[in-house]
């Protein structure tokens, strides 16, 4: 084998059987290299995997002394099942968003607050996506009922996933006729929003090298076959029609350094055979006779139906937090969510009640106290506020159940009250004051004692 990997943390080079390079529209470029161990030493293998599993390791890839991939950061190391050999795959994910931390593909926990959808994009995703003026005008129309108090929860989602979910929500739940999509790949510093419909004048203005037909120099014709089932295949969601993707498989026969240098810099999306290419996989296999075979798979869709917005049904989110701000007469409280980013860990929560009276401003009004734990809910309707479910007990109670104790002064105001009580014992530590125009008492006994 002439395909080799060199790690900066291990002196010896490792033989490789194959590697691949994936480019998918809207995702980072990914390289995967399969290492082959020509010895059966379980202890040594465990040591190597342990070393590679540590942070900040780097590796390079070469074929017959020619550098294919210069020293890059190791993103992942996984064991691969093989019937006769011990194999390990190492991966490198190219993230070009160096100034955007923690990066668009890192899961995050944070509360998002904005008065409209445009402000939401500008405040939280400006480093990730570029928005033209005509699109800004449309996004600004989508206003939240409670303005910035209409919080959204980004819970263990990456910024890119949250961006896609916002677009999906805009396209299918905001009663808009014009759908938006993301263009560009992660090799660009930022994505760009574009109208999906051609009637909106969408022009991606691809440079000439994005016409893949002119960039493939193989003498072999491509083999056309139906695309494999792909969960990330774009769909035409407005018509609820699933579009069958097509895969062109091109046998390039053997690896050529000059051809690879020109090919690897091509960005997605691109054109191929008058179709819209959204995913390219280059696979290289060491044939053990100093030839590195090269096969390219290009997944395409008709340009008229291309869309990169995966339909996402907004999910209900339930979480717990600590009350940090409250007002007895207001119907909002502020709740701090543990484990969320410090700059975006406070949620505006609307008070709920089992009964709010005839006009919504009476009935039963109880506001959780500061520093108490509450459970809150964000419904699948993003236009709805986060609501309070209840307080959560976290301390031993002062009395055994059932009991009712209000520690602050409370006001009871009844239009009329009719109640039958078998036994009632009222103890006043100071005084009891009754103000009434008259009292009517019905008793079965002949005596009433007041002491």
Protein backbone atom coordinates (compact mmCIF):
# COMPACT_ATOMS: atom_id res chain seq x y z
CA UNK A 1 0.00 0.00 0.00
CA UNK A 2 1.21 3.50 -0.89
CA UNK A 3 -1.59 5.41 0.86
CA UNK A 4 -0.34 6.52 4.29
CA UNK A 5 -1.39 8.64 7.26
CA UNK A 6 1.04 10.40 9.57
CA UNK A 7 -0.09 11.62 13.01
CA UNK A 8 1.72 14.36 14.89
CA UNK A 9 1.32 12.39 18.14
CA UNK A 10 2.67 9.03 16.85
CA UNK A 11 6.05 8.60 15.18
CA UNK A 12 5.19 5.66 12.95
CA UNK A 13 3.09 6.16 9.77
CA UNK A 14 0.01 4.00 9.17
CA UNK A 15 -1.10 2.27 5.98
CA UNK A 16 -4.54 3.12 4.62
CA UNK A 17 -6.90 1.16 2.41
CA UNK A 18 -9.10 4.05 1.29
CA UNK A 19 -10.36 7.55 1.95
CA UNK A 20 -13.33 9.67 0.93
CA UNK A 21 -14.17 13.34 0.60
CA UNK A 22 -17.78 14.48 1.09
CA UNK A 23 -19.20 17.81 -0.02
CA UNK A 24 -22.83 18.46 0.81
CA UNK A 25 -24.59 21.74 0.26
CA UNK A 26 -24.94 23.52 3.59
CA UNK A 27 -22.58 21.19 5.49
CA UNK A 28 -18.86 21.20 6.25
CA UNK A 29 -16.50 19.33 3.95
CA UNK A 30 -15.59 15.97 5.49
CA UNK A 31 -12.66 13.61 4.92
CA UNK A 32 -12.61 10.03 6.19
CA UNK A 33 -9.51 7.81 6.08
CA UNK A 34 -9.51 4.05 6.79
CA UNK A 35 -6.38 2.82 8.59
CA UNK A 36 -5.29 -0.82 8.28
CA UNK A 37 -3.23 -2.41 11.05
CA UNK A 38 -1.01 -5.21 9.74
CA UNK A 39 -0.44 -6.70 13.18
CA UNK A 40 -2.71 -8.22 15.79
CA UNK A 41 -1.65 -6.63 19.05
CA UNK A 42 -4.74 -5.73 21.02
CA UNK A 43 -2.79 -3.85 23.67
CA UNK A 44 -0.97 -1.70 21.13
CA UNK A 45 -4.23 -1.08 19.27
CA UNK A 46 -5.90 0.09 22.48
CA UNK A 47 -2.98 2.44 23.13
CA UNK A 48 -3.22 3.92 19.63
CA UNK A 49 -7.00 4.40 19.77
CA UNK A 50 -6.64 6.01 23.21
CA UNK A 51 -4.00 8.43 21.90
CA UNK A 52 -6.09 9.30 18.84
CA UNK A 53 -9.13 9.85 21.04
CA UNK A 54 -7.41 12.69 22.86
CA UNK A 55 -8.00 16.31 21.93
CA UNK A 56 -5.92 18.39 19.51
CA UNK A 57 -4.42 15.56 17.47
CA UNK A 58 -3.50 16.20 13.85
CA UNK A 59 -2.81 14.04 10.81
CA UNK A 60 -1.77 14.26 7.16
CA UNK A 61 -2.51 11.98 4.19
CA UNK A 62 -0.17 11.11 1.32
CA UNK A 63 -0.03 8.74 -1.64
CA UNK A 64 3.31 7.52 -2.95
CA UNK A 65 4.97 10.46 -1.23
CA UNK A 66 2.56 13.05 -2.71
CA UNK A 67 0.65 15.04 -0.07
CA UNK A 68 -3.12 14.78 -0.60
CA UNK A 69 -4.25 16.28 2.69
CA UNK A 70 -1.83 18.47 4.67
CA UNK A 71 -1.69 18.33 8.46
CA UNK A 72 -5.26 18.88 9.71
CA UNK A 73 -7.15 18.50 12.99
CA UNK A 74 -8.48 15.06 13.88
CA UNK A 75 -12.25 15.35 14.40
CA UNK A 76 -13.23 11.74 15.13
CA UNK A 77 -11.72 8.27 15.50
CA UNK A 78 -13.95 5.17 15.21
CA UNK A 79 -13.39 1.41 14.98
CA UNK A 80 -14.62 -0.32 11.79
CA UNK A 81 -15.77 -3.93 11.72
CA UNK A 82 -13.84 -6.04 9.18
CA UNK A 83 -13.73 -9.86 8.84
CA UNK A 84 -9.96 -10.23 8.44
CA UNK A 85 -8.23 -7.00 9.44
CA UNK A 86 -8.22 -4.45 12.23
CA UNK A 87 -9.40 -1.14 10.81
CA UNK A 88 -9.92 2.32 12.27
CA UNK A 89 -11.39 5.36 10.54
CA UNK A 90 -10.20 8.88 11.30
CA UNK A 91 -12.17 11.92 10.15
CA UNK A 92 -11.47 15.55 9.50
CA UNK A 93 -14.34 18.06 9.29
CA UNK A 94 -13.37 21.30 7.60
CA UNK A 95 -14.94 24.19 9.48
CA UNK A 96 -14.25 27.49 7.77
CA UNK A 97 -16.21 29.53 10.33
CA UNK A 98 -13.12 30.28 12.41
CA UNK A 99 -14.42 33.65 13.63
CA UNK A 100 -17.82 32.24 14.51
CA UNK A 101 -17.64 30.56 17.90
CA UNK A 102 -18.55 28.00 19.03
CA UNK A 103 -19.12 27.21 15.34
CA UNK A 104 -22.28 26.49 13.33
CA UNK A 105 -22.14 22.72 13.86
CA UNK A 106 -21.75 22.63 17.66
CA UNK A 107 -24.88 21.82 19.74
CA UNK A 108 -25.90 24.72 21.98
CA UNK A 109 -28.38 25.59 24.73
CA UNK A 110 -29.65 29.17 24.63
CA UNK A 111 -32.75 31.36 24.72
CA UNK A 112 -33.41 33.46 21.61
CA UNK A 113 -35.28 36.77 21.92
CA UNK A 114 -36.35 39.15 19.15
CA UNK A 115 -39.40 41.20 18.19
CA UNK A 116 -39.57 39.82 14.63
CA UNK A 117 -37.96 37.15 12.46
CA UNK A 118 -35.49 39.55 10.82
CA UNK A 119 -34.18 40.68 14.21
CA UNK A 120 -33.86 37.01 15.18
CA UNK A 121 -31.62 36.32 12.17
CA UNK A 122 -29.57 39.49 12.68
CA UNK A 123 -29.07 38.97 16.40
CA UNK A 124 -28.18 35.28 16.45
CA UNK A 125 -27.22 34.17 12.92
CA UNK A 126 -25.53 37.17 11.25
CA UNK A 127 -22.16 35.38 11.17
CA UNK A 128 -23.78 32.34 9.61
CA UNK A 129 -25.98 33.73 6.86
CA UNK A 130 -26.11 36.80 4.63
CA UNK A 131 -29.52 38.34 3.91
CA UNK A 132 -30.29 40.62 0.96
CA UNK A 133 -32.43 43.74 1.39
CA UNK A 134 -35.47 42.35 -0.44
CA UNK A 135 -35.50 39.29 1.83
CA UNK A 136 -35.01 41.43 4.95
CA UNK A 137 -38.23 43.25 4.07
CA UNK A 138 -40.19 39.97 4.03
CA UNK A 139 -38.66 38.63 7.24
CA UNK A 140 -39.44 41.85 9.08
CA UNK A 141 -43.16 41.27 8.41
CA UNK A 142 -43.14 38.19 10.65
CA UNK A 143 -43.64 39.79 14.05
CA UNK A 144 -43.94 38.05 17.39
CA UNK A 145 -47.08 38.85 19.38
CA UNK A 146 -45.23 39.46 22.65
CA UNK A 147 -42.21 41.01 20.91
CA UNK A 148 -38.95 40.02 22.63
CA UNK A 149 -40.81 38.14 25.35
CA UNK A 150 -41.83 35.59 22.71
CA UNK A 151 -38.70 33.51 23.33
CA UNK A 152 -37.46 30.56 21.30
CA UNK A 153 -35.50 27.70 22.84
CA UNK A 154 -32.41 26.33 21.10
CA UNK A 155 -31.85 23.12 23.02
CA UNK A 156 -28.92 20.90 21.94
CA UNK A 157 -29.30 22.07 18.35
CA UNK A 158 -26.50 23.49 16.25
CA UNK A 159 -26.84 27.00 14.87
CA UNK A 160 -27.15 25.55 11.38
CA UNK A 161 -29.97 23.23 12.50
CA UNK A 162 -31.72 26.12 14.24
CA UNK A 163 -31.33 28.25 11.12
CA UNK A 164 -32.91 25.51 9.02
CA UNK A 165 -35.74 25.16 11.51
CA UNK A 166 -36.42 28.90 11.39
CA UNK A 167 -36.55 28.76 7.59
CA UNK A 168 -38.82 25.73 7.68
CA UNK A 169 -41.13 27.52 10.11
CA UNK A 170 -41.13 30.64 7.93
CA UNK A 171 -41.89 28.69 4.76
CA UNK A 172 -44.72 26.55 6.05
CA UNK A 173 -46.24 28.12 9.14
CA UNK A 174 -46.16 31.87 8.57
CA UNK A 175 -48.74 32.00 5.74
CA UNK A 176 -46.19 33.23 3.23
CA UNK A 177 -46.29 32.42 -0.46
CA UNK A 178 -42.56 32.73 -1.06
CA UNK A 179 -40.22 30.06 0.27
CA UNK A 180 -36.59 30.70 1.24
CA UNK A 181 -33.61 28.39 1.02
CA UNK A 182 -29.92 28.37 1.96
CA UNK A 183 -27.25 28.56 -0.74
CA UNK A 184 -23.52 28.04 -0.48
CA UNK A 185 -21.44 25.41 1.30
CA UNK A 186 -19.41 25.49 4.48
CA UNK A 187 -16.27 26.34 2.55
CA UNK A 188 -17.75 29.81 2.12
CA UNK A 189 -17.43 32.11 5.10
CA UNK A 190 -21.20 32.62 5.21
CA UNK A 191 -24.27 31.09 3.67
CA UNK A 192 -26.79 33.21 1.82
CA UNK A 193 -30.58 33.24 1.85
CA UNK A 194 -32.24 33.08 -1.55
CA UNK A 195 -35.75 32.81 -2.92
CA UNK A 196 -36.62 29.27 -3.92
CA UNK A 197 -38.87 30.28 -6.81
CA UNK A 198 -37.29 31.29 -10.07
CA UNK A 199 -39.99 33.94 -10.51
CA UNK A 200 -38.38 35.82 -7.64
CA UNK A 201 -35.29 36.32 -9.77
CA UNK A 202 -33.08 33.87 -7.94
CA UNK A 203 -29.62 33.99 -9.51
CA UNK A 204 -26.82 32.13 -7.79
CA UNK A 205 -24.29 33.47 -10.32
CA UNK A 206 -22.06 30.42 -10.23
CA UNK A 207 -18.55 30.96 -11.59
CA UNK A 208 -17.56 28.78 -14.52
CA UNK A 209 -15.83 26.15 -12.38
CA UNK A 210 -19.19 25.30 -10.81
CA UNK A 211 -20.25 23.69 -14.07
CA UNK A 212 -19.04 20.22 -13.14
CA UNK A 213 -19.18 18.94 -16.73
CA UNK A 214 -16.22 21.14 -17.60
CA UNK A 215 -14.25 20.09 -14.51
CA UNK A 216 -14.29 16.31 -15.02
CA UNK A 217 -11.53 15.03 -17.29
CA UNK A 218 -12.26 11.32 -17.06
CA UNK A 219 -12.47 9.45 -20.37
CA UNK A 220 -15.23 7.25 -18.96
CA UNK A 221 -18.90 8.14 -19.19
CA UNK A 222 -20.90 8.39 -16.02
CA UNK A 223 -23.29 5.66 -14.90
CA UNK A 224 -26.74 7.00 -14.03
CA UNK A 225 -28.71 5.30 -11.28
CA UNK A 226 -31.43 6.28 -8.80
CA UNK A 227 -30.06 7.98 -5.74
CA UNK A 228 -29.90 6.02 -2.52
CA UNK A 229 -32.43 6.82 0.18
CA UNK A 230 -31.13 10.01 1.73
CA UNK A 231 -32.79 11.60 4.75
CA UNK A 232 -31.25 14.92 3.75
CA UNK A 233 -32.58 14.86 0.20
CA UNK A 234 -34.34 18.17 -0.46
CA UNK A 235 -38.09 18.04 -1.03
CA UNK A 236 -40.78 20.21 -2.58
CA UNK A 237 -42.70 20.66 0.62
CA UNK A 238 -45.34 23.14 -0.53
CA UNK A 239 -46.74 20.49 -2.87
CA UNK A 240 -45.86 17.67 -0.47
CA UNK A 241 -44.04 15.83 -3.26
CA UNK A 242 -40.89 13.82 -2.65
CA UNK A 243 -38.43 14.27 -5.50
CA UNK A 244 -36.31 11.26 -6.50
CA UNK A 245 -32.67 12.23 -6.50
CA UNK A 246 -30.34 10.91 -9.19
CA UNK A 247 -26.74 9.80 -8.75
CA UNK A 248 -24.12 10.00 -11.49
CA UNK A 249 -21.22 7.62 -10.75
CA UNK A 250 -18.01 8.45 -12.62
CA UNK A 251 -15.06 6.06 -12.72
CA UNK A 252 -12.00 8.25 -13.05
CA UNK A 253 -9.78 5.19 -13.25
CA UNK A 254 -6.86 6.51 -11.24
CA UNK A 255 -5.91 9.39 -8.99
CA UNK A 256 -4.26 12.35 -10.66
CA UNK A 257 -2.76 15.06 -8.45
CA UNK A 258 -3.30 17.94 -10.87
CA UNK A 259 -6.90 16.94 -11.57
CA UNK A 260 -7.60 16.56 -7.85
CA UNK A 261 -6.21 20.02 -7.02
CA UNK A 262 -8.62 21.62 -9.49
CA UNK A 263 -11.56 19.44 -8.49
CA UNK A 264 -11.37 19.72 -4.68
CA UNK A 265 -11.82 23.52 -4.65
CA UNK A 266 -15.22 23.39 -6.38
CA UNK A 267 -18.04 24.63 -4.16
CA UNK A 268 -21.64 23.49 -3.89
CA UNK A 269 -24.27 23.96 -5.13
CA UNK A 270 -23.17 23.46 -8.73
CA UNK A 271 -24.52 22.31 -12.10
CA UNK A 272 -24.10 18.90 -13.71
CA UNK A 273 -25.89 17.74 -16.87
CA UNK A 274 -28.30 20.64 -16.43
CA UNK A 275 -29.19 19.42 -12.94
CA UNK A 276 -28.57 20.91 -9.53
CA UNK A 277 -25.75 19.06 -7.74
CA UNK A 278 -26.10 19.21 -3.96
CA UNK A 279 -23.86 16.33 -2.78
CA UNK A 280 -20.54 14.99 -4.10
CA UNK A 281 -18.61 12.03 -2.71
CA UNK A 282 -15.12 11.21 -3.99
CA UNK A 283 -13.92 7.73 -3.00
CA UNK A 284 -10.30 6.61 -3.34
CA UNK A 285 -9.13 2.99 -2.99
CA UNK A 286 -5.53 1.78 -2.75
CA UNK A 287 -5.32 -1.17 -5.15
CA UNK A 288 -1.96 -2.36 -3.71
CA UNK A 289 -0.22 -2.00 -7.09
CA UNK A 290 0.65 1.68 -6.61
CA UNK A 291 -2.58 2.76 -8.25
CA UNK A 292 -5.14 4.80 -6.35
CA UNK A 293 -8.54 4.31 -7.96
CA UNK A 294 -10.88 7.30 -7.98
CA UNK A 295 -14.66 7.25 -8.19
CA UNK A 296 -16.92 10.29 -8.01
CA UNK A 297 -20.62 10.16 -7.11
CA UNK A 298 -22.67 13.27 -7.87
CA UNK A 299 -26.18 13.51 -6.43
CA UNK A 300 -28.45 15.88 -8.32
CA UNK A 301 -32.00 17.19 -8.48
CA UNK A 302 -33.78 19.20 -11.17
CA UNK A 303 -32.95 22.86 -10.68
CA UNK A 304 -36.61 23.79 -10.59
CA UNK A 305 -37.25 21.77 -7.42
CA UNK A 306 -34.02 22.29 -5.52
CA UNK A 307 -34.49 23.23 -1.89
CA UNK A 308 -32.18 22.81 1.08
CA UNK A 309 -34.72 23.42 3.84
CA UNK A 310 -35.45 20.17 5.63
CA UNK A 311 -39.04 20.19 6.95
CA UNK A 312 -38.92 20.14 10.71
CA UNK A 313 -41.95 19.84 12.92
CA UNK A 314 -41.38 22.07 15.91
CA UNK A 315 -41.31 20.00 19.07
CA UNK A 316 -42.69 20.76 22.49
CA UNK A 317 -39.92 21.64 24.95
CA UNK A 318 -40.29 21.26 28.72
CA UNK A 319 -37.59 22.35 31.16
CA UNK A 320 -36.92 23.53 34.69
CA UNK A 321 -35.36 26.71 36.03
CA UNK A 322 -35.11 29.14 38.93
CA UNK A 323 -37.25 32.28 39.21
CA UNK A 324 -34.96 35.34 39.20
CA UNK A 325 -37.47 38.13 38.64
CA UNK A 326 -41.18 38.48 39.43
CA UNK A 327 -43.81 41.13 40.14
CA UNK A 328 -46.98 40.26 42.12
CA UNK A 329 -49.24 42.23 39.77
CA UNK A 330 -47.60 41.16 36.48
CA UNK A 331 -48.27 38.05 34.42
CA UNK A 332 -44.60 37.53 33.41
CA UNK A 333 -41.71 36.08 35.39
CA UNK A 334 -38.07 35.64 34.41
CA UNK A 335 -36.59 32.17 34.80
CA UNK A 336 -32.91 31.24 34.68
CA UNK A 337 -32.25 27.92 32.94
CA UNK A 338 -29.35 25.82 34.32
CA UNK A 339 -26.84 24.55 31.78
CA UNK A 340 -27.67 27.25 29.22
CA UNK A 341 -25.09 29.75 27.93
CA UNK A 342 -24.56 32.51 30.49
CA UNK A 343 -25.41 35.28 28.03
CA UNK A 344 -28.65 33.61 26.93
CA UNK A 345 -29.96 31.63 29.90
CA UNK A 346 -32.96 33.72 31.02
CA UNK A 347 -36.41 33.01 29.64
CA UNK A 348 -39.52 35.20 29.82
CA UNK A 349 -42.34 32.99 31.09
CA UNK A 350 -46.03 33.82 31.13
CA UNK A 351 -48.01 33.06 34.29
CA UNK A 352 -50.86 30.57 33.97
CA UNK A 353 -53.92 30.16 36.16
CA UNK A 354 -56.60 27.55 36.66
CA UNK A 355 -59.16 30.38 36.41
CA UNK A 356 -58.70 34.00 35.27
CA UNK A 357 -62.19 35.43 35.78
CA UNK A 358 -64.68 36.87 33.28
CA UNK A 359 -62.26 39.33 31.67
CA UNK A 360 -58.97 37.48 32.16
CA UNK A 361 -57.70 39.82 34.90
CA UNK A 362 -59.32 38.27 37.98
CA UNK A 363 -59.80 34.74 39.25
CA UNK A 364 -56.89 33.01 40.98
CA UNK A 365 -53.51 34.78 40.71
CA UNK A 366 -50.47 33.09 42.26
CA UNK A 367 -46.94 34.12 41.23
CA UNK A 368 -43.97 31.84 42.04
CA UNK A 369 -41.51 33.40 44.46
CA UNK A 370 -37.91 34.31 43.58
CA UNK A 371 -35.33 31.54 43.98
CA UNK A 372 -37.98 28.83 43.72
CA UNK A 373 -37.84 26.10 41.08
CA UNK A 374 -40.46 25.98 38.33
CA UNK A 375 -41.26 23.81 35.34
CA UNK A 376 -41.97 25.65 32.08
CA UNK A 377 -43.17 24.74 28.59
CA UNK A 378 -42.57 26.02 25.06
CA UNK A 379 -45.27 24.70 22.75
CA UNK A 380 -44.81 23.64 19.13
CA UNK A 381 -46.41 26.94 18.12
CA UNK A 382 -43.50 29.36 17.94
CA UNK A 383 -45.85 32.35 18.07
CA UNK A 384 -46.98 31.24 21.53
CA UNK A 385 -45.03 32.32 24.63
CA UNK A 386 -43.24 30.06 27.07
CA UNK A 387 -45.75 29.26 29.80
CA UNK A 388 -45.53 28.29 33.46
CA UNK A 389 -46.59 24.78 34.40
CA UNK A 390 -46.06 24.84 38.19
CA UNK A 391 -43.61 25.16 41.05
CA UNK A 392 -41.44 22.13 41.80
CA UNK A 393 -41.00 20.95 45.38
CA UNK A 394 -37.32 20.78 46.34
CA UNK A 395 -37.55 21.12 50.16
CA UNK A 396 -39.31 19.36 53.01
CA UNK A 397 -42.73 20.92 53.63
CA UNK A 398 -43.73 22.46 56.98
CA UNK A 399 -46.92 20.43 57.40
CA UNK A 400 -48.17 17.05 56.36
CA UNK A 401 -50.51 16.83 53.38
CA UNK A 402 -53.09 18.05 52.75
CA UNK A 403 -52.57 21.66 53.84
CA UNK A 404 -52.68 25.18 52.43
CA UNK A 405 -50.39 27.92 53.73
CA UNK A 406 -49.87 31.40 52.28
CA UNK A 407 -46.86 33.14 53.86
CA UNK A 408 -47.67 36.64 52.58
CA UNK A 409 -50.77 38.79 52.99
CA UNK A 410 -53.46 37.59 50.62
CA UNK A 411 -56.67 39.22 49.43
CA UNK A 412 -59.86 37.22 48.91
CA UNK A 413 -62.67 38.96 47.09
CA UNK A 414 -65.91 37.01 46.55
CA UNK A 415 -69.16 38.20 44.99
CA UNK A 416 -70.87 35.62 47.18
CA UNK A 417 -69.68 32.54 49.02
CA UNK A 418 -71.68 29.49 50.00
CA UNK A 419 -69.85 26.74 51.82
CA UNK A 420 -70.83 23.83 54.03
CA UNK A 421 -68.15 22.90 56.55
CA UNK A 422 -68.42 20.04 59.02
CA UNK A 423 -65.81 21.47 61.39
CA UNK A 424 -63.98 24.79 61.20
CA UNK A 425 -61.34 25.93 63.65
CA UNK A 426 -59.95 29.46 63.21
CA UNK A 427 -57.13 30.67 65.44
CA UNK A 428 -56.04 34.31 65.29
CA UNK A 429 -52.71 35.29 66.83
CA UNK A 430 -53.82 38.91 66.90
CA UNK A 431 -57.28 40.05 65.80
CA UNK A 432 -59.98 39.09 63.33
CA UNK A 433 -61.87 41.92 61.64
CA UNK A 434 -65.16 41.36 59.83
CA UNK A 435 -66.84 44.11 57.85
CA UNK A 436 -70.36 43.27 56.74
CA UNK A 437 -73.86 44.69 56.48
CA UNK A 438 -75.35 41.61 58.06
CA UNK A 439 -74.67 38.04 59.06
CA UNK A 440 -77.06 35.13 58.75
CA UNK A 441 -76.17 31.98 60.65
CA UNK A 442 -77.97 28.65 60.55
CA UNK A 443 -77.06 26.07 63.15
CA UNK A 444 -78.41 22.68 64.11
CA UNK A 445 -77.44 23.17 67.76
CA UNK A 446 -78.91 25.68 70.14
CA UNK A 447 -75.64 27.18 71.24
CA UNK A 448 -72.80 29.16 69.61
CA UNK A 449 -69.68 29.85 71.58
CA UNK A 450 -67.18 32.57 70.61
CA UNK A 451 -64.01 32.84 72.65
